[in-house]
Structure formats: C-alpha cells, structure tokens
Amino acid sequence: MRAQRCALAAAALALATLLPSVDGDEQQRLPCGLARMKCLYRDGCRKALDNYMDGCLDIMNGHAKTCNDFCTKSLIALTSTQPGHALMECDCGEDQFCRATKRRLDPCRPQVQYANRNDTVVSCEVAQWICGADNLCGTALDYYFRNCRAMFAGRRCSRRCNNSISILQRQQRAAKLQTCACEGDAPARASCVDIKRNMDHLCFHKPVVDEEREEATNVIGGAAAQTLSAAVAIQVALVVWARWAAAHCW
C-alpha cells in the first residue's frame, strides 16, 4: 500500500515540466509538492492524473518509445485543467527521475499541445475527456448522458434533456464538444453522427417534449449542489493524504 501511494506521488512529480508555458512568459513555478497537492484535491484533476498513471506507465518507465492513445488522451485531459497545467510546469529541482520522464514523454508533446489550443478541433471522445477533467463540466456531462437517452435513440428530446444540453453548453470546458469530429471505427463514428443529427433535429428545431412536467433546472441544480458539496469533503481528505504522502515519500 505504501508503495502504491509513493508511486502516485512519483508519477505526479514525473509529469512536471512536460510542456512549455502556453503564453511563453516567464512565470514563477510552484514547487512540485505544492502543485501535486493542488491537483490531488481537485476531483477532475485527480481522475485525469490517475488515468495518466495507468496509460503512460510504459513510456514513463522507458519500456515504450511512443505515446499510446490512452496516454495521449489522459495527458490532454490533465493539462487542460489549471491545477494539472501548474503541475506540468512545477519546479522539480534536481530530481533526475522528473527530468528523465520529461525526455521520455517527448513523443506525446505535439498532440497534447495541439489538442489544447483554443482554435483546434478534436475528436468527440477527446472533447469528453477534456470536459470530464473539470468538476462542473464533468457533472453537466453526466446529466446530459443520463437525461438524453431517448434523444440518442432518435425518439424525442425531453425538456430535461434540452435543459441538460443548455447547461453543458454553458461550461467553458465543453467548448470543444460543440465542434468535435466523429472519429473511431465505423460503428463508433456512425453512432456519433447519429447523435449529432438527432440533437439537431429533435432538440434545436422542434418543441421539446415535457413528459414529466418537472422543472429540470431545479432538479439538476440541486443534484449538482449535492455533488459539489461531496467534492469539498473529498478535497479536504485528499489534502491530508497528499501532505502525508509528501512527508513519507520524498
């Protein structure tokens, strides 16, 4: 168990300085221990970091020379968040493991930088990863998937589904979902195209169907508030854990 905790801390530190600053200006970089804690107590950043650890382990350890698809997506999601970006640029001092990992992750660099530019179009799957790495956007995306099943099947767009789409579209990290490209194998691509077509015809050009006659905004807003309240408790626990890990692993 202790080895797993230390591996988490080591992998987080290994991500440091992966990419240069977005604006190129000189900025004061956080110590990696502090940057690591800031990422760990944000649920979205922590999940993206977990995915990075699973997907990038081979290239991080020098067992692979290329960045696999899962690793690339996890890095895109992680570096799209503010705490993940701060971790990426943190000061790892004289730690040679961090420096070696930066060199090994060089094959991932072009795709990660490209995907996180504001003017680029990414696949709809990558756009979902970016949204899911943000707490509010990820919550809105969950409600969209939950409330729009009938629309996915091409049957109808309920008021609750329409409201979920509206909430999702207002999230900053959902911007790439509105321009994303349907990619993948033929069935996945066809399903993605069908969902986009159904949304356009059922939700945007026809009156919505109010089946349950409930105020969707209140339902979603109340549930989202409960989710965020739970996230605060998780954040506090993660801060305590991260401080313990920093004291015992470095």
Protein backbone atom coordinates (compact mmCIF):
# COMPACT_ATOMS: atom_id res chain seq x y z
CA MET A 1 0.00 0.00 0.00
CA ARG A 2 2.79 2.42 0.87
CA ALA A 3 4.49 1.58 -2.42
CA GLN A 4 1.29 2.47 -4.31
CA ARG A 5 0.98 5.80 -2.52
CA CYS A 6 4.59 6.65 -3.26
CA ALA A 7 4.16 5.57 -6.86
CA LEU A 8 1.27 8.04 -7.18
CA ALA A 9 3.39 10.85 -5.81
CA ALA A 10 6.32 9.86 -8.05
CA ALA A 11 4.17 9.73 -11.16
CA ALA A 12 2.66 13.14 -10.40
CA LEU A 13 6.11 14.61 -9.98
CA ALA A 14 7.26 12.91 -13.17
CA LEU A 15 4.74 14.92 -15.18
CA ALA A 16 6.37 18.19 -14.15
CA THR A 17 7.68 20.44 -16.91
CA LEU A 18 6.27 18.24 -19.68
CA LEU A 19 5.29 21.22 -21.84
CA PRO A 20 6.36 24.87 -22.01
CA SER A 21 4.16 27.72 -20.82
CA VAL A 22 1.18 28.43 -23.07
CA ASP A 23 1.90 32.16 -23.38
CA GLY A 24 5.68 31.84 -23.23
CA ASP A 25 6.02 34.42 -20.46
CA GLU A 26 8.29 33.83 -17.52
CA GLN A 27 6.18 32.78 -14.56
CA GLN A 28 7.06 31.72 -11.06
CA ARG A 29 6.66 27.97 -10.93
CA LEU A 30 5.21 26.20 -7.91
CA PRO A 31 7.26 23.64 -6.00
CA CYS A 32 6.21 20.22 -7.23
CA GLY A 33 4.97 19.13 -3.79
CA LEU A 34 2.53 22.03 -3.66
CA ALA A 35 1.49 21.65 -7.30
CA ARG A 36 0.86 17.96 -6.68
CA MET A 37 -1.44 18.70 -3.73
CA LYS A 38 -3.41 21.28 -5.72
CA CYS A 39 -4.10 18.66 -8.38
CA LEU A 40 -4.94 15.88 -5.93
CA TYR A 41 -7.61 17.82 -4.04
CA ARG A 42 -9.46 18.68 -7.28
CA ASP A 43 -11.54 15.67 -8.24
CA GLY A 44 -11.32 16.21 -12.00
CA CYS A 45 -7.55 16.75 -11.95
CA ARG A 46 -7.06 13.75 -9.68
CA LYS A 47 -9.01 11.47 -12.03
CA ALA A 48 -7.03 12.76 -15.01
CA LEU A 49 -3.82 12.10 -13.07
CA ASP A 50 -4.98 8.55 -12.28
CA ASN A 51 -5.61 7.97 -16.00
CA TYR A 52 -2.18 9.37 -16.82
CA MET A 53 -0.57 6.94 -14.39
CA ASP A 54 -2.37 3.97 -15.94
CA GLY A 55 -1.93 4.98 -19.57
CA CYS A 56 1.60 6.39 -19.56
CA LEU A 57 3.38 3.96 -17.29
CA ASP A 58 5.28 2.15 -20.07
CA ILE A 59 6.66 5.27 -21.72
CA MET A 60 7.35 6.89 -18.34
CA ASN A 61 9.45 3.89 -17.28
CA GLY A 62 11.25 3.71 -20.62
CA HIS A 63 9.54 0.48 -21.71
CA ALA A 64 7.96 2.15 -24.76
CA LYS A 65 9.16 4.70 -27.29
CA THR A 66 5.80 6.01 -28.46
CA CYS A 67 2.81 7.57 -26.70
CA ASN A 68 -0.20 5.29 -26.90
CA ASP A 69 -3.72 6.59 -27.49
CA PHE A 70 -4.86 6.31 -23.86
CA CYS A 71 -1.74 8.08 -22.61
CA THR A 72 -2.22 10.92 -25.10
CA LYS A 73 -5.87 11.43 -24.11
CA SER A 74 -5.10 11.37 -20.40
CA LEU A 75 -2.33 13.95 -20.84
CA ILE A 76 -4.62 16.18 -22.90
CA ALA A 77 -7.28 15.99 -20.19
CA LEU A 78 -4.80 16.58 -17.38
CA THR A 79 -3.07 19.55 -18.97
CA SER A 80 -6.41 21.16 -19.88
CA THR A 81 -7.06 21.83 -16.16
CA GLN A 82 -5.49 24.73 -14.29
CA PRO A 83 -4.02 22.60 -11.45
CA GLY A 84 -2.86 20.00 -13.99
CA HIS A 85 -1.13 22.69 -16.02
CA ALA A 86 0.51 24.05 -12.86
CA LEU A 87 1.74 20.54 -12.04
CA MET A 88 3.06 20.23 -15.56
CA GLU A 89 5.17 23.35 -15.11
CA CYS A 90 6.20 22.91 -11.47
CA ASP A 91 9.79 23.17 -10.31
CA CYS A 92 11.16 19.65 -9.80
CA GLY A 93 14.57 20.95 -8.77
CA GLU A 94 17.35 18.39 -9.10
CA ASP A 95 15.08 15.36 -9.31
CA GLN A 96 16.56 13.25 -12.10
CA PHE A 97 13.51 11.00 -12.42
CA CYS A 98 11.39 14.03 -13.31
CA ARG A 99 13.91 15.19 -15.89
CA ALA A 100 14.23 11.75 -17.44
CA THR A 101 10.46 11.40 -17.69
CA LYS A 102 10.20 14.71 -19.50
CA ARG A 103 12.53 13.42 -22.18
CA ARG A 104 10.67 10.12 -22.47
CA LEU A 105 7.32 11.90 -22.89
CA ASP A 106 8.57 13.99 -25.81
CA PRO A 107 6.64 11.84 -28.36
CA CYS A 108 3.39 12.92 -26.66
CA ARG A 109 4.17 16.61 -26.85
CA PRO A 110 2.87 17.62 -30.33
CA GLN A 111 -0.57 16.02 -29.97
CA VAL A 112 -1.07 17.31 -26.43
CA GLN A 113 -0.14 20.87 -27.36
CA TYR A 114 -2.29 20.81 -30.49
CA ALA A 115 -5.40 19.46 -28.76
CA ASN A 116 -5.28 22.08 -26.01
CA ARG A 117 -5.14 25.04 -28.37
CA ASN A 118 -8.37 27.05 -28.40
CA ASP A 119 -8.64 27.03 -32.19
CA THR A 120 -8.29 23.30 -32.84
CA VAL A 121 -10.92 20.63 -33.45
CA VAL A 122 -10.50 17.33 -31.61
CA SER A 123 -12.40 14.06 -31.69
CA CYS A 124 -15.62 13.92 -29.67
CA GLU A 125 -14.02 11.35 -27.37
CA VAL A 126 -11.11 13.67 -26.57
CA ALA A 127 -13.56 16.55 -26.07
CA GLN A 128 -15.38 14.42 -23.49
CA TRP A 129 -12.08 13.70 -21.69
CA ILE A 130 -11.35 17.43 -21.53
CA CYS A 131 -14.82 18.19 -20.16
CA GLY A 132 -14.66 15.32 -17.68
CA ALA A 133 -11.40 16.62 -16.20
CA ASP A 134 -13.27 19.73 -14.98
CA ASN A 135 -15.57 19.26 -11.98
CA LEU A 136 -18.51 21.38 -13.20
CA CYS A 137 -18.26 20.34 -16.84
CA GLY A 138 -17.97 16.69 -15.86
CA THR A 139 -21.12 16.94 -13.73
CA ALA A 140 -23.01 18.61 -16.58
CA LEU A 141 -21.81 15.89 -18.98
CA ASP A 142 -23.06 13.16 -16.62
CA TYR A 143 -26.53 14.73 -16.55
CA TYR A 144 -26.53 15.04 -20.34
CA PHE A 145 -25.81 11.31 -20.74
CA ARG A 146 -28.41 10.44 -18.11
CA ASN A 147 -31.24 12.65 -19.38
CA CYS A 148 -30.87 12.37 -23.17
CA ARG A 149 -31.08 8.61 -23.76
CA ALA A 150 -34.34 8.93 -25.72
CA MET A 151 -32.72 11.56 -27.92
CA PHE A 152 -29.69 9.32 -28.52
CA ALA A 153 -32.11 6.65 -29.80
CA GLY A 154 -33.81 9.17 -32.10
CA ARG A 155 -37.18 9.15 -30.31
CA ARG A 156 -37.65 12.54 -28.63
CA CYS A 157 -35.95 15.40 -26.79
CA SER A 158 -37.50 15.92 -23.36
CA ARG A 159 -37.41 19.22 -21.51
CA ARG A 160 -34.94 17.70 -19.08
CA CYS A 161 -32.65 16.64 -21.93
CA ASN A 162 -32.88 20.06 -23.55
CA ASN A 163 -32.06 21.72 -20.26
CA SER A 164 -29.08 19.40 -19.75
CA ILE A 165 -27.74 20.36 -23.18
CA SER A 166 -28.14 24.06 -22.33
CA ILE A 167 -26.25 23.66 -19.04
CA LEU A 168 -23.48 21.68 -20.74
CA GLN A 169 -23.06 24.26 -23.50
CA ARG A 170 -22.51 26.99 -20.91
CA GLN A 171 -19.47 25.23 -19.46
CA GLN A 172 -16.16 26.66 -20.59
CA ARG A 173 -14.52 23.24 -20.84
CA ALA A 174 -17.33 21.97 -23.07
CA ALA A 175 -16.43 24.31 -25.93
CA LYS A 176 -14.70 21.59 -27.94
CA LEU A 177 -17.76 19.34 -27.66
CA GLN A 178 -19.65 21.75 -29.91
CA THR A 179 -17.09 21.50 -32.72
CA CYS A 180 -15.74 17.96 -32.17
CA ALA A 181 -15.27 15.48 -35.01
CA CYS A 182 -16.75 11.99 -35.06
CA GLU A 183 -13.84 9.56 -35.26
CA GLY A 184 -13.03 5.93 -34.42
CA ASP A 185 -14.11 2.73 -36.11
CA ALA A 186 -17.14 2.66 -38.42
CA PRO A 187 -19.79 1.78 -35.76
CA ALA A 188 -18.50 4.39 -33.29
CA ARG A 189 -18.33 7.05 -35.98
CA ALA A 190 -21.84 6.24 -37.23
CA SER A 191 -23.25 6.39 -33.69
CA CYS A 192 -21.61 9.76 -33.07
CA VAL A 193 -23.02 11.16 -36.33
CA ASP A 194 -26.49 9.86 -35.47
CA ILE A 195 -26.43 11.54 -32.05
CA LYS A 196 -25.42 14.87 -33.57
CA ARG A 197 -28.19 14.58 -36.17
CA ASN A 198 -30.78 13.62 -33.55
CA MET A 199 -29.80 16.53 -31.33
CA ASP A 200 -30.09 18.97 -34.21
CA HIS A 201 -33.49 17.74 -35.39
CA LEU A 202 -35.14 16.80 -32.09
CA CYS A 203 -33.78 19.42 -29.69
CA PHE A 204 -32.86 22.50 -31.71
CA HIS A 205 -35.57 22.65 -34.39
CA LYS A 206 -38.65 21.29 -32.65
CA PRO A 207 -40.59 21.99 -29.42
CA VAL A 208 -39.24 19.93 -26.56
CA VAL A 209 -41.37 17.19 -25.01
CA ASP A 210 -42.25 17.82 -21.37
CA GLU A 211 -43.12 14.28 -20.27
CA GLU A 212 -42.67 14.50 -16.53
CA ARG A 213 -43.67 18.16 -16.08
CA GLU A 214 -40.81 18.81 -13.69
CA GLU A 215 -38.61 21.84 -13.55
CA ALA A 216 -35.35 20.37 -14.83
CA THR A 217 -33.26 23.32 -13.75
CA ASN A 218 -34.17 22.83 -10.11
CA VAL A 219 -33.57 19.08 -10.27
CA ILE A 220 -30.19 19.42 -11.94
CA GLY A 221 -29.13 22.41 -9.88
CA GLY A 222 -30.00 20.69 -6.58
CA ALA A 223 -28.24 17.47 -7.51
CA ALA A 224 -25.23 19.37 -8.77
CA ALA A 225 -25.02 21.27 -5.48
CA GLN A 226 -25.01 17.97 -3.58
CA THR A 227 -22.28 16.65 -5.88
CA LEU A 228 -20.15 19.74 -5.33
CA SER A 229 -20.70 19.58 -1.55
CA ALA A 230 -19.46 16.00 -1.56
CA ALA A 231 -16.49 17.10 -3.64
CA VAL A 232 -15.50 19.61 -0.95
CA ALA A 233 -15.30 16.82 1.64
CA ILE A 234 -13.24 14.71 -0.75
CA GLN A 235 -10.90 17.64 -1.36
CA VAL A 236 -10.22 18.06 2.36
CA ALA A 237 -9.42 14.36 2.73
CA LEU A 238 -7.12 14.45 -0.28
CA VAL A 239 -5.18 17.42 1.10
CA VAL A 240 -4.49 15.49 4.29
CA TRP A 241 -3.48 12.41 2.30
CA ALA A 242 -1.22 14.40 -0.03
CA ARG A 243 0.60 16.04 2.89
CA TRP A 244 1.19 12.62 4.46
CA ALA A 245 2.45 11.22 1.15
CA ALA A 246 4.81 14.13 0.63
CA ALA A 247 6.26 13.67 4.11
CA HIS A 248 6.85 9.95 3.70
CA CYS A 249 7.79 9.57 0.04
CA TRP A 250 10.28 12.35 -0.57
